[in-house]
Amino acid sequence: MTLYVSDLDGTLLDRDGKLSARSRAGLTSLLQQGLLFTVASARHVSSIRSILGDLPLSLPVISGNGAYIGNMDSERHELVHAMEPALAQAIFALIRRLGMMPFFATHNGVRDQLFYQVAQNQGQQGFVDERLRNADPRLRHTARLQDHLHDPVVTFVIIDREPALLALQAEIVALCGDAVETHVADDLYLPGWPWLTVHDKRASKDQAIQTLAQRYGLAEREIVVFGDHVNDVSMLRAAHRGIAMENAIAAVKQEAHTVIGPHYEDSVLSFIESDWRR
């Protein structure tokens, strides 16, 4: 049997960032028949749970671009890849020295927290508003971000215009080398305000999928993945079959074995249904 792993935004979800009724019903039916399926997303598991709801996944989900592996219904993670404290401190100091304000997520072994100090632009305000609207249990406002770097940092998120983010990304890579994973990606729901995400080098979707397969006795299975953006490139490159969406960026399509329809036409479900019958 095949293990199928799908990205969420721009891949499995519709234009509104939701799982369509058709995809929900189709995946539920296939999962009940024994389909091996899970998701790998930049979203946190609490956000994944709010979107997928009662989808009967038997496997853990991969969240935070591979920083976390855990059961969708649990508050605890099976695995967390956080940064070394000195590395996180150095990255934070660099971001602030360049006059930018990050969001950062921490994990203290028991709970996750997401800290912010002030929204400097429309993109950052949109980030905060969405999490307030969805009652994200991690969100914490603080007067001084640096006071909360004592817990291990899992992710930095910086939201700004693309030129500023690319310049910051280059500075972080020059400082940290291959100790971190960085991605600059558009916000599909607020165009013009892309995100720069910074994770530990162990936090990538391809490594997380390999770890999940080994832990759950699936290492010998064929792995088929679906994606659309820069943070999906590594998992398409590592999979037996990488499937790109019609709306995917060029770098994803170049790595893909197959290009299917757009994310808003239930294309992932259609592919899996056809592949399952075959």
Protein backbone atom coordinates (compact mmCIF):
# COMPACT_ATOMS: atom_id res chain seq x y z
CA MET A 1 0.00 0.00 0.00
CA THR A 2 0.96 3.62 -0.56
CA LEU A 3 1.38 6.35 2.07
CA TYR A 4 -0.11 9.64 0.82
CA VAL A 5 0.98 12.95 2.40
CA SER A 6 -0.54 16.28 1.41
CA ASP A 7 0.28 19.90 2.08
CA LEU A 8 -2.75 21.97 3.11
CA ASP A 9 -2.85 25.59 1.89
CA GLY A 10 -2.80 25.82 -1.88
CA THR A 11 -2.95 22.03 -2.13
CA LEU A 12 -5.68 20.18 -0.21
CA LEU A 13 -7.66 23.23 0.93
CA ASP A 14 -9.92 25.50 -1.13
CA ARG A 15 -9.54 29.23 -1.80
CA ASP A 16 -10.90 30.04 1.68
CA GLY A 17 -8.43 27.78 3.47
CA LYS A 18 -11.09 25.15 4.17
CA LEU A 19 -11.49 21.46 3.38
CA SER A 20 -14.36 21.23 0.90
CA ALA A 21 -17.36 19.03 1.63
CA ARG A 22 -16.45 16.77 -1.28
CA SER A 23 -12.85 16.30 -0.14
CA ARG A 24 -13.95 15.70 3.45
CA ALA A 25 -16.50 13.06 2.44
CA GLY A 26 -14.17 11.38 -0.06
CA LEU A 27 -11.20 11.22 2.28
CA THR A 28 -13.37 10.00 5.16
CA SER A 29 -14.65 7.13 3.01
CA LEU A 30 -11.16 6.15 1.85
CA LEU A 31 -9.68 6.39 5.35
CA GLN A 32 -12.40 4.09 6.64
CA GLN A 33 -11.39 1.62 3.92
CA GLY A 34 -7.77 1.69 5.12
CA LEU A 35 -6.18 4.55 3.18
CA LEU A 36 -2.81 5.59 4.64
CA PHE A 37 -3.01 9.39 4.56
CA THR A 38 -1.82 12.37 6.57
CA VAL A 39 -0.89 16.01 6.09
CA ALA A 40 2.34 18.02 6.31
CA SER A 41 1.76 21.74 6.78
CA ALA A 42 3.38 24.97 7.91
CA ARG A 43 0.34 25.38 10.17
CA HIS A 44 0.39 24.48 13.85
CA VAL A 45 -1.48 21.35 14.89
CA SER A 46 -4.19 23.43 16.61
CA SER A 47 -4.95 25.11 13.27
CA ILE A 48 -4.87 21.77 11.43
CA ARG A 49 -7.35 20.36 13.96
CA SER A 50 -9.74 23.29 13.46
CA ILE A 51 -9.71 22.74 9.68
CA LEU A 52 -9.76 18.95 9.39
CA GLY A 53 -12.08 18.45 12.35
CA ASP A 54 -13.40 14.89 12.52
CA LEU A 55 -11.41 13.52 9.58
CA PRO A 56 -10.53 10.01 10.87
CA LEU A 57 -6.74 10.14 10.51
CA SER A 58 -4.99 7.12 11.99
CA LEU A 59 -1.52 8.61 11.53
CA PRO A 60 0.01 11.67 13.21
CA VAL A 61 0.11 14.98 11.37
CA ILE A 62 3.27 16.92 10.51
CA SER A 63 3.03 20.58 11.46
CA GLY A 64 5.27 23.64 11.60
CA ASN A 65 6.96 22.60 8.33
CA GLY A 66 8.25 19.46 10.02
CA ALA A 67 9.07 20.95 13.42
CA TYR A 68 6.33 18.88 15.08
CA ILE A 69 4.92 15.39 14.68
CA GLY A 70 1.88 14.51 16.73
CA ASN A 71 -1.68 13.27 16.92
CA MET A 72 -4.17 15.84 15.64
CA ASP A 73 -6.45 15.35 18.64
CA SER A 74 -3.74 15.60 21.29
CA GLU A 75 -2.21 18.60 23.03
CA ARG A 76 1.13 16.79 23.19
CA HIS A 77 3.66 16.26 20.41
CA GLU A 78 5.45 12.98 19.73
CA LEU A 79 8.46 14.91 18.44
CA VAL A 80 9.56 18.58 18.54
CA HIS A 81 12.59 20.02 16.75
CA ALA A 82 13.54 23.26 18.52
CA MET A 83 16.60 25.44 17.99
CA GLU A 84 19.63 25.53 20.26
CA PRO A 85 19.17 28.46 22.69
CA ALA A 86 22.31 30.30 21.57
CA LEU A 87 21.24 30.01 17.95
CA ALA A 88 17.77 31.39 18.65
CA GLN A 89 19.24 34.28 20.63
CA ALA A 90 21.60 35.14 17.78
CA ILE A 91 18.80 35.06 15.19
CA PHE A 92 16.55 37.23 17.36
CA ALA A 93 19.34 39.77 17.88
CA LEU A 94 19.97 39.92 14.12
CA ILE A 95 16.28 40.45 13.31
CA ARG A 96 15.98 43.27 15.84
CA ARG A 97 19.26 44.87 14.75
CA LEU A 98 17.79 45.17 11.27
CA GLY A 99 14.76 46.94 12.71
CA MET A 100 12.27 44.12 12.14
CA MET A 101 9.86 42.55 14.61
CA PRO A 102 9.37 38.76 14.61
CA PHE A 103 6.74 36.44 15.93
CA PHE A 104 8.19 33.32 17.53
CA ALA A 105 6.80 30.00 18.73
CA THR A 106 8.24 28.18 21.73
CA HIS A 107 7.77 24.77 23.33
CA ASN A 108 8.73 24.10 26.96
CA GLY A 109 8.07 20.37 26.95
CA VAL A 110 4.47 20.81 28.05
CA ARG A 111 2.87 23.62 26.08
CA ASP A 112 3.31 25.74 22.97
CA GLN A 113 3.28 29.53 23.00
CA LEU A 114 3.35 32.11 20.19
CA PHE A 115 4.68 35.54 21.19
CA TYR A 116 4.33 38.94 19.55
CA GLN A 117 5.09 42.46 20.68
CA VAL A 118 3.63 44.79 18.07
CA ALA A 119 2.27 44.58 14.53
CA GLN A 120 4.42 46.83 12.34
CA ASN A 121 2.51 46.45 9.08
CA GLN A 122 -0.69 45.16 7.49
CA GLY A 123 0.70 41.66 7.03
CA GLN A 124 1.65 41.32 10.67
CA GLN A 125 -1.70 42.70 11.80
CA GLY A 126 -3.43 40.16 9.57
CA PHE A 127 -1.38 37.39 11.21
CA VAL A 128 -2.49 38.52 14.68
CA ASP A 129 -6.13 39.06 13.67
CA GLU A 130 -6.42 35.59 12.15
CA ARG A 131 -5.12 33.96 15.31
CA LEU A 132 -7.41 36.04 17.51
CA ARG A 133 -10.35 35.16 15.27
CA ASN A 134 -9.53 31.45 15.48
CA ALA A 135 -8.85 31.62 19.25
CA ASP A 136 -5.32 30.26 18.83
CA PRO A 137 -4.48 29.00 22.35
CA ARG A 138 -0.78 29.75 21.86
CA LEU A 139 -1.00 33.50 21.20
CA ARG A 140 0.62 35.73 23.81
CA HIS A 141 1.10 39.50 23.66
CA THR A 142 4.16 40.86 25.48
CA ALA A 143 5.82 44.21 26.04
CA ARG A 144 9.30 42.68 25.59
CA LEU A 145 9.86 39.73 23.28
CA GLN A 146 13.36 39.10 24.58
CA ASP A 147 11.92 38.14 27.98
CA HIS A 148 10.45 34.96 26.46
CA LEU A 149 13.48 33.39 24.82
CA HIS A 150 14.12 31.16 27.84
CA ASP A 151 11.96 28.35 26.43
CA PRO A 152 13.24 26.55 23.30
CA VAL A 153 12.27 28.46 20.14
CA VAL A 154 10.73 26.30 17.41
CA THR A 155 9.93 28.89 14.73
CA PHE A 156 10.54 32.54 13.90
CA VAL A 157 8.04 34.21 11.54
CA ILE A 158 8.81 37.61 10.00
CA ILE A 159 6.23 39.27 7.75
CA ASP A 160 7.21 42.14 5.47
CA ARG A 161 7.68 43.05 1.82
CA GLU A 162 9.63 40.50 -0.22
CA PRO A 163 12.86 42.53 -0.77
CA ALA A 164 13.25 43.10 2.96
CA LEU A 165 12.63 39.42 3.73
CA LEU A 166 15.09 38.20 1.10
CA ALA A 167 17.76 40.51 2.53
CA LEU A 168 17.05 39.23 6.06
CA GLN A 169 17.08 35.62 4.85
CA ALA A 170 20.53 36.15 3.32
CA GLU A 171 21.80 37.63 6.61
CA ILE A 172 20.42 34.69 8.62
CA VAL A 173 21.97 32.14 6.26
CA ALA A 174 25.30 33.97 6.44
CA LEU A 175 25.11 33.89 10.24
CA CYS A 176 23.79 30.35 10.75
CA GLY A 177 24.79 28.38 7.66
CA ASP A 178 23.03 25.01 7.42
CA ALA A 179 22.01 25.06 11.09
CA VAL A 180 18.58 26.39 10.07
CA GLU A 181 15.88 25.92 7.44
CA THR A 182 14.51 29.16 5.97
CA HIS A 183 11.65 29.77 3.54
CA VAL A 184 10.17 32.92 2.01
CA ALA A 185 6.62 32.23 0.83
CA ASP A 186 3.61 34.30 -0.17
CA ASP A 187 0.61 34.49 2.13
CA LEU A 188 -2.11 33.02 -0.10
CA TYR A 189 -4.80 34.89 1.83
CA LEU A 190 -3.07 38.30 2.03
CA PRO A 191 -1.09 38.87 -1.18
CA GLY A 192 1.87 41.22 -1.02
CA TRP A 193 2.86 40.31 2.54
CA PRO A 194 5.03 37.16 2.36
CA TRP A 195 6.44 35.33 5.36
CA LEU A 196 10.01 34.39 6.19
CA THR A 197 10.02 31.32 8.44
CA VAL A 198 13.09 30.10 10.28
CA HIS A 199 13.33 26.60 11.81
CA ASP A 200 15.99 24.25 13.10
CA LYS A 201 17.73 22.31 10.32
CA ARG A 202 15.95 19.11 11.42
CA ALA A 203 12.55 20.70 10.80
CA SER A 204 11.65 19.96 7.20
CA LYS A 205 8.75 18.07 5.69
CA ASP A 206 10.91 15.43 4.01
CA GLN A 207 12.74 14.56 7.25
CA ALA A 208 9.47 14.47 9.18
CA ILE A 209 7.86 12.12 6.66
CA GLN A 210 10.85 9.78 6.87
CA THR A 211 10.71 9.84 10.67
CA LEU A 212 6.96 9.16 10.69
CA ALA A 213 7.35 6.26 8.23
CA GLN A 214 10.09 4.68 10.36
CA ARG A 215 8.19 5.09 13.63
CA TYR A 216 4.98 3.57 12.24
CA GLY A 217 6.46 0.67 10.29
CA LEU A 218 5.89 2.29 6.90
CA ALA A 219 9.48 2.65 5.75
CA GLU A 220 9.02 0.12 2.95
CA ARG A 221 5.85 1.73 1.59
CA GLU A 222 5.69 3.86 -1.51
CA ILE A 223 5.38 7.53 -0.51
CA VAL A 224 3.31 9.93 -2.63
CA VAL A 225 3.25 13.62 -1.68
CA PHE A 226 1.29 16.66 -2.86
CA GLY A 227 2.49 20.28 -2.70
CA ASP A 228 2.52 23.72 -4.21
CA HIS A 229 5.12 25.97 -2.59
CA VAL A 230 8.78 26.36 -1.66
CA ASN A 231 8.46 24.50 1.66
CA ASP A 232 7.21 21.45 -0.29
CA VAL A 233 10.20 21.13 -2.62
CA SER A 234 12.25 18.89 -0.34
CA MET A 235 9.45 16.39 0.21
CA LEU A 236 8.66 16.17 -3.52
CA ARG A 237 12.35 15.56 -4.17
CA ALA A 238 12.49 12.78 -1.57
CA ALA A 239 9.19 11.01 -2.36
CA HIS A 240 8.70 8.06 -4.68
CA ARG A 241 6.12 10.18 -6.49
CA GLY A 242 5.82 13.94 -6.06
CA ILE A 243 2.59 15.54 -7.25
CA ALA A 244 2.43 19.28 -7.96
CA MET A 245 -0.73 21.33 -8.16
CA GLU A 246 -1.55 23.32 -11.29
CA ASN A 247 -1.20 26.47 -9.13
CA ALA A 248 2.23 25.40 -7.79
CA ILE A 249 5.31 27.57 -8.19
CA ALA A 250 7.79 26.60 -10.92
CA ALA A 251 10.31 25.11 -8.47
CA VAL A 252 7.71 22.60 -7.25
CA LYS A 253 6.60 21.63 -10.74
CA GLN A 254 10.23 21.02 -11.72
CA GLU A 255 10.53 18.41 -8.96
CA ALA A 256 7.17 16.76 -9.65
CA HIS A 257 6.51 13.45 -11.35
CA THR A 258 2.99 14.66 -12.21
CA VAL A 259 1.11 17.97 -12.28
CA ILE A 260 -2.59 17.75 -11.46
CA GLY A 261 -5.43 20.30 -11.34
CA PRO A 262 -5.69 23.33 -9.05
CA HIS A 263 -6.25 23.08 -5.31
CA TYR A 264 -9.77 24.53 -5.47
CA GLU A 265 -11.08 21.66 -7.65
CA ASP A 266 -10.54 18.83 -5.11
CA SER A 267 -7.63 17.66 -7.27
CA VAL A 268 -5.81 15.84 -4.46
CA LEU A 269 -8.89 13.77 -3.67
CA SER A 270 -9.49 13.00 -7.36
CA PHE A 271 -5.91 11.79 -7.78
CA ILE A 272 -6.02 9.61 -4.65
CA GLU A 273 -9.39 8.10 -5.61
CA SER A 274 -8.04 7.15 -9.04
CA ASP A 275 -4.76 5.86 -7.62
CA TRP A 276 -6.61 3.89 -4.91
CA ARG A 277 -8.80 2.15 -7.49
CA ARG A 278 -5.76 1.31 -9.59
